Amino acid sequence: MLPVIDDEFYMKLAIDMAVRVLGQTSINPAVGCVIVKEGRVVGMGAHLKRGEGHAEVHALRMAGDEAEGATAYVTLEPCSHYGKTPPCSLRLVEAKVKRVVIACIDPNPIVACNGVRYLEEHGIEVKQGVLQEEAFRLIEMFAKYMTTKYPYVTMKTAQTLDGRIATHTGHSQWITNEQARERVHTMRHRHQAIMVGIGTVLADNPSLTTRLQVPALHPVRIIVDSKLRIPLDSKVVQDKSAPTWVLTTSQADPEKVDALVKHGVEVIVINDGSQVDMEQAIAELGAREIGSILLEGGGRLNGTMLQLGLIDKVVLMVAPKVVGHPDAPSSFQFDGPEKMSDALQLEKVMVESIGDNVIISGNPLHLRK
């Protein structure tokens, strides 16, 4: 007697494969695939790098001839079009798999349901929606970009119990504990870009790189600098381990622009006027195929982005400390509502303890649709 097929069990394996490659695939989604035959896992794979073989390709290569008559578990609908690689739905048909179990339909309009249709037209049984919610969390950034061409923006801030991100003197290192700071570096690895305002560069001179115990990818560093005050000796200019883009206006000093370019910095003029228009900036970054941004700004940049509805997810890392001084900078600075009933609110809130710190995350209710 053949063993009972447990679709959720094998899909969890596929999801685990995808989790382990989050951040490696640039703008493309992290996808996992597991191939099972007669109760045995015969192939496993994940999409490792943009432009290279998808998860199904690696899993089929491992399975070899045993893929015939097997079930393939894939966290995302197999593609059906020719891009940088041939369609995975074609590969599955050629391998003569019997059944394909899919967690999520691909949000890319080129693919959406076409992969399912192709498989079914070629006699393969398809089951959809197994662990869909869990799998979708892996591709939420990709889904936002595919449907809007705007990057998914995660706003991360470390703060005290009274909402301060530094003392009144500007000193901020360190608010959170070591475990929370390690989590931040994981978040950096999983986003294509890190964004800060010029105030953060001037105050902290950060490197804005990913420092994990295992090798990690460094995202593009994006500095919002309307008046081009960035020092040429700052770490984000001098350090060449990651690209640095500076967003500014047409009023920027041409000589400073030239000096930055000579240092390998890309200066992007967003608009006329005295301040960078953040709506135009986010649209421009999307046009440059930046699909996800980790915003680590100060109160003003955070507040501006929230007011404009440009934040998809808020992550607050709260330490059990109190600063108290009225001049200490806060996490958010913007013209708030007059009534508490109109205050910005998060939904899908999650609370997690990490040592003696607490991480609160959620999605702002006024998101750009």
Protein backbone atom coordinates (compact mmCIF):
# COMPACT_ATOMS: atom_id res chain seq x y z
CA MET A 1 0.00 0.00 0.00
CA LEU A 2 1.31 3.43 -0.95
CA PRO A 3 1.70 5.99 1.88
CA VAL A 4 -0.96 8.66 2.33
CA ILE A 5 0.04 11.86 0.55
CA ASP A 6 0.41 14.78 2.96
CA ASP A 7 0.39 17.85 0.73
CA GLU A 8 0.91 20.31 3.58
CA PHE A 9 3.93 18.41 4.89
CA TYR A 10 5.74 18.52 1.57
CA MET A 11 4.68 22.11 0.87
CA LYS A 12 6.22 23.11 4.19
CA LEU A 13 9.48 21.60 2.95
CA ALA A 14 9.22 23.66 -0.22
CA ILE A 15 8.49 26.81 1.79
CA ASP A 16 11.52 26.11 3.97
CA MET A 17 13.65 25.89 0.83
CA ALA A 18 12.37 29.30 -0.27
CA VAL A 19 12.92 30.92 3.14
CA ARG A 20 16.58 29.98 3.03
CA VAL A 21 17.18 31.93 -0.19
CA LEU A 22 15.23 35.09 0.68
CA GLY A 23 17.23 38.07 -0.53
CA GLN A 24 19.31 36.17 -3.09
CA THR A 25 17.06 36.59 -6.13
CA SER A 26 17.08 40.38 -6.59
CA ILE A 27 13.67 41.54 -7.79
CA ASN A 28 12.52 37.97 -8.45
CA PRO A 29 10.63 35.95 -5.82
CA ALA A 30 12.16 33.28 -3.59
CA VAL A 31 10.62 29.95 -4.64
CA GLY A 32 11.05 26.41 -3.37
CA CYS A 33 10.19 23.08 -5.01
CA VAL A 34 10.05 19.51 -3.69
CA ILE A 35 9.41 16.45 -5.87
CA VAL A 36 7.92 13.38 -4.20
CA LYS A 37 7.41 9.89 -5.59
CA GLU A 38 5.79 7.03 -3.69
CA GLY A 39 6.37 8.76 -0.36
CA ARG A 40 10.03 9.57 -1.05
CA VAL A 41 11.53 12.97 -1.66
CA VAL A 42 13.44 12.53 -4.91
CA GLY A 43 14.21 16.15 -5.76
CA MET A 44 14.53 19.51 -3.99
CA GLY A 45 15.45 22.93 -5.27
CA ALA A 46 15.19 26.67 -4.84
CA HIS A 47 15.59 29.69 -7.09
CA LEU A 48 19.12 30.76 -6.18
CA LYS A 49 19.84 33.77 -8.38
CA ARG A 50 18.04 35.98 -10.87
CA GLY A 51 18.66 34.84 -14.42
CA GLU A 52 19.52 31.29 -13.42
CA GLY A 53 17.42 28.14 -13.15
CA HIS A 54 14.20 28.33 -11.18
CA ALA A 55 13.36 26.05 -8.24
CA GLU A 56 11.63 23.49 -10.46
CA VAL A 57 14.71 23.17 -12.68
CA HIS A 58 17.00 22.33 -9.76
CA ALA A 59 14.49 19.89 -8.25
CA LEU A 60 13.90 18.12 -11.59
CA ARG A 61 17.62 17.86 -12.20
CA MET A 62 18.04 16.16 -8.83
CA ALA A 63 15.07 13.85 -9.39
CA GLY A 64 16.21 12.73 -12.85
CA ASP A 65 14.11 9.89 -14.27
CA GLU A 66 12.24 9.53 -10.99
CA ALA A 67 10.32 12.72 -11.76
CA GLU A 68 8.10 10.70 -14.10
CA GLY A 69 4.83 9.97 -12.32
CA ALA A 70 5.83 12.08 -9.30
CA THR A 71 4.19 15.03 -7.54
CA ALA A 72 5.89 18.43 -7.62
CA TYR A 73 5.24 20.84 -4.74
CA VAL A 74 5.96 24.46 -5.70
CA THR A 75 5.50 27.55 -3.54
CA LEU A 76 4.66 29.69 -6.59
CA GLU A 77 2.88 28.87 -9.83
CA PRO A 78 5.37 27.57 -12.44
CA CYS A 79 6.10 30.17 -15.10
CA SER A 80 4.69 29.66 -18.59
CA HIS A 81 6.68 32.20 -20.63
CA TYR A 82 10.20 32.51 -21.96
CA GLY A 83 12.19 35.06 -19.97
CA LYS A 84 15.81 34.74 -18.89
CA THR A 85 15.11 30.98 -18.63
CA PRO A 86 12.67 28.59 -20.41
CA PRO A 87 9.21 28.09 -18.84
CA CYS A 88 9.09 25.78 -15.82
CA SER A 89 5.64 24.50 -16.76
CA LEU A 90 7.18 23.11 -19.97
CA ARG A 91 9.96 21.46 -17.97
CA LEU A 92 7.41 19.75 -15.71
CA VAL A 93 5.48 18.46 -18.70
CA GLU A 94 8.64 17.17 -20.37
CA ALA A 95 9.63 15.42 -17.13
CA LYS A 96 6.21 13.66 -17.15
CA VAL A 97 5.28 14.55 -13.59
CA LYS A 98 1.80 13.34 -12.71
CA ARG A 99 0.67 16.05 -10.32
CA VAL A 100 1.64 19.61 -9.35
CA VAL A 101 0.66 21.19 -6.02
CA ILE A 102 0.91 25.00 -5.91
CA ALA A 103 0.76 27.33 -2.91
CA CYS A 104 0.31 30.71 -4.68
CA ILE A 105 -0.73 31.88 -8.12
CA ASP A 106 1.93 34.11 -9.66
CA PRO A 107 0.93 37.82 -9.36
CA ASN A 108 2.90 38.61 -12.52
CA PRO A 109 0.20 39.32 -15.15
CA ILE A 110 2.31 37.51 -17.76
CA VAL A 111 2.10 34.31 -15.74
CA ALA A 112 -1.05 34.48 -13.58
CA CYS A 113 -2.96 31.21 -14.07
CA ASN A 114 -1.30 30.57 -17.45
CA GLY A 115 1.10 28.10 -15.86
CA VAL A 116 -1.80 26.22 -14.28
CA ARG A 117 -3.68 26.22 -17.56
CA TYR A 118 -0.67 24.89 -19.48
CA LEU A 119 -0.14 22.04 -17.03
CA GLU A 120 -3.81 21.03 -17.07
CA GLU A 121 -3.96 21.17 -20.87
CA HIS A 122 -1.12 18.64 -20.93
CA GLY A 123 -2.85 16.20 -18.62
CA ILE A 124 -1.20 17.10 -15.31
CA GLU A 125 -3.40 17.24 -12.23
CA VAL A 126 -3.05 20.61 -10.45
CA LYS A 127 -3.99 21.47 -6.89
CA GLN A 128 -3.86 25.11 -5.76
CA GLY A 129 -3.84 27.02 -2.49
CA VAL A 130 -1.95 24.63 -0.18
CA LEU A 131 -0.45 26.80 2.60
CA GLN A 132 -1.21 29.81 0.44
CA GLU A 133 -1.07 32.44 3.19
CA GLU A 134 2.26 31.19 4.52
CA ALA A 135 3.75 31.04 1.03
CA PHE A 136 2.44 34.48 0.06
CA ARG A 137 4.44 36.09 2.85
CA LEU A 138 7.53 34.99 0.93
CA ILE A 139 6.50 36.87 -2.20
CA GLU A 140 4.63 39.91 -0.84
CA MET A 141 7.38 42.28 -1.98
CA PHE A 142 7.41 40.72 -5.45
CA ALA A 143 3.59 40.86 -5.60
CA LYS A 144 3.54 44.58 -4.77
CA TYR A 145 6.10 45.38 -7.44
CA MET A 146 4.49 43.18 -10.10
CA THR A 147 1.05 44.76 -9.64
CA THR A 148 2.04 48.41 -9.14
CA LYS A 149 5.67 48.85 -10.31
CA TYR A 150 6.24 50.53 -6.95
CA PRO A 151 8.76 48.99 -4.54
CA TYR A 152 7.55 47.38 -1.33
CA VAL A 153 8.75 49.63 1.51
CA THR A 154 9.41 48.27 5.00
CA MET A 155 9.96 51.01 7.55
CA LYS A 156 12.18 49.85 10.43
CA THR A 157 12.91 51.97 13.47
CA ALA A 158 14.58 51.27 16.80
CA GLN A 159 13.09 53.29 19.64
CA THR A 160 12.79 53.64 23.40
CA LEU A 161 9.56 53.13 25.34
CA ASP A 162 8.79 56.83 24.92
CA GLY A 163 9.29 56.67 21.16
CA ARG A 164 12.73 58.29 20.96
CA ILE A 165 15.37 57.29 18.43
CA ALA A 166 18.23 59.19 20.11
CA THR A 167 18.95 61.36 23.12
CA HIS A 168 18.59 65.13 22.91
CA THR A 169 22.31 65.30 22.03
CA GLY A 170 21.75 62.99 19.03
CA HIS A 171 23.44 59.95 20.57
CA SER A 172 21.73 56.74 19.43
CA GLN A 173 24.13 53.79 19.72
CA TRP A 174 22.77 51.47 20.83
CA ILE A 175 19.05 51.58 21.57
CA THR A 176 18.24 47.92 20.96
CA ASN A 177 20.01 44.75 22.03
CA GLU A 178 22.42 42.67 19.97
CA GLN A 179 19.75 40.14 18.92
CA ALA A 180 17.53 42.89 17.52
CA ARG A 181 20.44 44.43 15.63
CA GLU A 182 21.23 41.02 14.13
CA ARG A 183 17.62 40.85 12.93
CA VAL A 184 18.07 44.21 11.19
CA HIS A 185 20.98 42.82 9.19
CA THR A 186 18.82 39.89 8.12
CA MET A 187 16.18 42.39 6.99
CA ARG A 188 18.80 44.30 5.01
CA HIS A 189 19.86 41.11 3.28
CA ARG A 190 16.24 40.45 2.25
CA HIS A 191 15.65 43.88 0.67
CA GLN A 192 17.14 45.24 -2.53
CA ALA A 193 17.85 48.67 -1.07
CA ILE A 194 18.30 50.53 2.21
CA MET A 195 17.03 54.11 2.39
CA VAL A 196 18.00 56.81 4.89
CA GLY A 197 17.84 60.59 4.98
CA ILE A 198 20.88 62.82 4.95
CA GLY A 199 20.32 63.55 8.65
CA THR A 200 21.14 59.95 9.50
CA VAL A 201 24.35 60.08 7.46
CA LEU A 202 25.46 63.33 9.11
CA ALA A 203 24.60 62.16 12.63
CA ASP A 204 25.82 58.54 12.57
CA ASN A 205 28.04 58.12 9.49
CA PRO A 206 26.68 54.58 8.99
CA SER A 207 28.07 51.98 6.58
CA LEU A 208 24.56 50.68 5.70
CA THR A 209 25.91 47.25 4.83
CA THR A 210 24.77 43.78 5.86
CA ARG A 211 26.89 42.24 8.59
CA LEU A 212 25.83 38.68 9.37
CA GLN A 213 27.75 35.69 10.67
CA VAL A 214 27.25 34.09 7.26
CA PRO A 215 28.06 35.89 3.99
CA ALA A 216 25.20 38.13 2.89
CA LEU A 217 24.37 40.41 0.00
CA HIS A 218 24.67 44.17 0.42
CA PRO A 219 21.65 46.14 -0.82
CA VAL A 220 21.87 49.39 -2.75
CA ARG A 221 22.31 52.33 -0.35
CA ILE A 222 19.88 55.15 -1.11
CA ILE A 223 20.41 58.54 0.54
CA VAL A 224 17.70 61.22 0.36
CA ASP A 225 19.68 64.48 0.24
CA SER A 226 17.80 67.47 -1.14
CA LYS A 227 20.67 69.95 -0.69
CA LEU A 228 23.49 67.48 -1.40
CA ARG A 229 25.11 67.89 2.02
CA ILE A 230 26.62 64.39 2.02
CA PRO A 231 30.31 64.54 3.01
CA LEU A 232 32.76 63.07 0.52
CA ASP A 233 34.55 61.28 3.36
CA SER A 234 31.41 59.58 4.67
CA LYS A 235 31.40 55.79 4.80
CA VAL A 236 28.61 55.42 2.22
CA VAL A 237 30.77 57.35 -0.26
CA GLN A 238 34.14 55.83 0.55
CA ASP A 239 33.05 52.20 1.03
CA LYS A 240 32.74 50.43 -2.33
CA SER A 241 31.23 47.16 -1.05
CA ALA A 242 27.74 48.30 -2.10
CA PRO A 243 26.41 50.84 -4.62
CA THR A 244 25.36 54.24 -3.27
CA TRP A 245 22.60 56.30 -4.90
CA VAL A 246 21.88 59.84 -3.77
CA LEU A 247 18.42 61.29 -4.49
CA THR A 248 18.45 65.07 -4.85
CA THR A 249 16.88 68.01 -6.71
CA SER A 250 17.85 70.14 -9.67
CA GLN A 251 19.15 72.77 -7.24
CA ALA A 252 22.05 70.54 -6.25
CA ASP A 253 25.54 72.03 -6.65
CA PRO A 254 26.93 70.73 -10.00
CA GLU A 255 30.47 70.65 -8.59
CA LYS A 256 29.32 68.45 -5.69
CA VAL A 257 27.51 66.20 -8.16
CA ASP A 258 30.72 65.80 -10.18
CA ALA A 259 32.75 65.06 -7.05
CA LEU A 260 30.32 62.36 -5.94
CA VAL A 261 30.25 60.79 -9.39
CA LYS A 262 34.07 60.63 -9.38
CA HIS A 263 33.77 58.65 -6.15
CA GLY A 264 31.45 56.16 -7.85
CA VAL A 265 28.21 57.50 -6.37
CA GLU A 266 25.16 57.68 -8.62
CA VAL A 267 23.38 61.02 -8.22
CA ILE A 268 19.72 60.93 -9.26
CA VAL A 269 17.89 64.23 -9.75
CA ILE A 270 14.25 63.60 -8.86
CA ASN A 271 12.56 66.98 -9.28
CA ASP A 272 12.86 70.76 -9.17
CA GLY A 273 12.31 72.59 -5.91
CA SER A 274 13.95 72.59 -2.52
CA GLN A 275 12.91 69.11 -1.32
CA VAL A 276 13.00 65.67 -2.92
CA ASP A 277 9.48 64.66 -3.90
CA MET A 278 9.21 61.23 -2.31
CA GLU A 279 6.32 60.07 -4.48
CA GLN A 280 8.39 60.77 -7.58
CA ALA A 281 11.43 59.23 -5.91
CA ILE A 282 9.67 55.95 -5.17
CA ALA A 283 8.27 55.83 -8.71
CA GLU A 284 11.77 56.41 -10.13
CA LEU A 285 13.25 53.65 -7.98
CA GLY A 286 10.54 51.29 -9.19
CA ALA A 287 11.41 52.20 -12.78
CA ARG A 288 15.01 51.24 -11.96
CA GLU A 289 13.80 47.77 -10.87
CA ILE A 290 14.17 48.33 -7.15
CA GLY A 291 11.39 46.09 -5.88
CA SER A 292 11.94 46.36 -2.13
CA ILE A 293 13.32 49.01 0.22
CA LEU A 294 14.17 48.90 3.91
CA LEU A 295 13.57 52.44 5.17
CA GLU A 296 15.82 53.20 8.16
CA GLY A 297 15.13 56.92 8.24
CA GLY A 298 14.81 59.50 10.94
CA GLY A 299 11.54 60.96 12.15
CA ARG A 300 11.05 63.42 9.28
CA LEU A 301 11.62 60.94 6.46
CA ASN A 302 9.54 58.28 8.24
CA GLY A 303 6.72 60.76 8.78
CA THR A 304 6.76 61.99 5.19
CA MET A 305 6.62 58.47 3.80
CA LEU A 306 3.78 57.51 6.14
CA GLN A 307 1.76 60.62 5.27
CA LEU A 308 2.12 59.89 1.56
CA GLY A 309 0.99 56.28 1.99
CA LEU A 310 4.30 54.94 0.69
CA ILE A 311 4.93 52.51 3.57
CA ASP A 312 3.80 48.91 3.19
CA LYS A 313 5.01 47.56 6.51
CA VAL A 314 6.11 49.10 9.79
CA VAL A 315 8.58 47.30 12.08
CA LEU A 316 9.16 48.91 15.48
CA MET A 317 11.97 47.57 17.63
CA VAL A 318 11.30 48.77 21.16
CA ALA A 319 13.89 48.70 23.96
CA PRO A 320 12.97 48.96 27.66
CA LYS A 321 14.56 52.40 27.99
CA VAL A 322 13.20 55.90 28.58
CA VAL A 323 14.96 59.06 27.35
CA GLY A 324 12.40 61.61 28.44
CA HIS A 325 13.92 64.86 27.14
CA PRO A 326 11.38 66.86 25.06
CA ASP A 327 14.02 67.68 22.45
CA ALA A 328 15.00 64.06 21.85
CA PRO A 329 14.05 63.06 18.27
CA SER A 330 11.10 60.73 17.82
CA SER A 331 10.40 57.91 15.37
CA PHE A 332 7.78 59.88 13.43
CA GLN A 333 7.53 63.59 12.74
CA PHE A 334 4.58 64.82 10.70
CA ASP A 335 1.38 66.82 11.03
CA GLY A 336 -0.79 64.35 12.87
CA PRO A 337 -4.58 64.26 13.22
CA GLU A 338 -6.61 66.34 15.65
CA LYS A 339 -8.59 63.33 16.89
CA MET A 340 -7.29 60.02 18.18
CA SER A 341 -9.92 58.29 16.06
CA ASP A 342 -8.06 59.58 12.98
CA ALA A 343 -4.63 58.37 14.09
CA LEU A 344 -2.73 56.13 11.71
CA GLN A 345 -3.36 52.52 12.64
CA LEU A 346 -1.72 49.21 11.82
CA GLU A 347 -3.46 46.00 10.85
CA LYS A 348 -2.20 42.40 10.81
CA VAL A 349 -0.15 43.29 13.87
CA MET A 350 2.44 40.83 15.16
CA VAL A 351 4.30 41.16 18.48
CA GLU A 352 7.50 39.27 19.19
CA SER A 353 9.92 39.26 22.11
CA ILE A 354 13.59 39.18 21.28
CA GLY A 355 15.59 39.12 24.49
CA ASP A 356 14.43 42.11 26.53
CA ASN A 357 13.30 43.96 23.37
CA VAL A 358 9.92 43.79 21.66
CA ILE A 359 9.30 43.86 17.91
CA ILE A 360 5.91 45.19 16.78
CA SER A 361 5.08 44.94 13.08
CA GLY A 362 2.04 45.61 10.96
CA ASN A 363 0.64 47.17 7.81
CA PRO A 364 -0.60 50.78 7.76
CA LEU A 365 -4.29 50.94 6.89
CA HIS A 366 -3.91 53.82 4.44
CA LEU A 367 -1.69 51.99 1.96
CA ARG A 368 -1.42 53.06 -1.66
CA LYS A 369 -3.81 50.81 -3.62
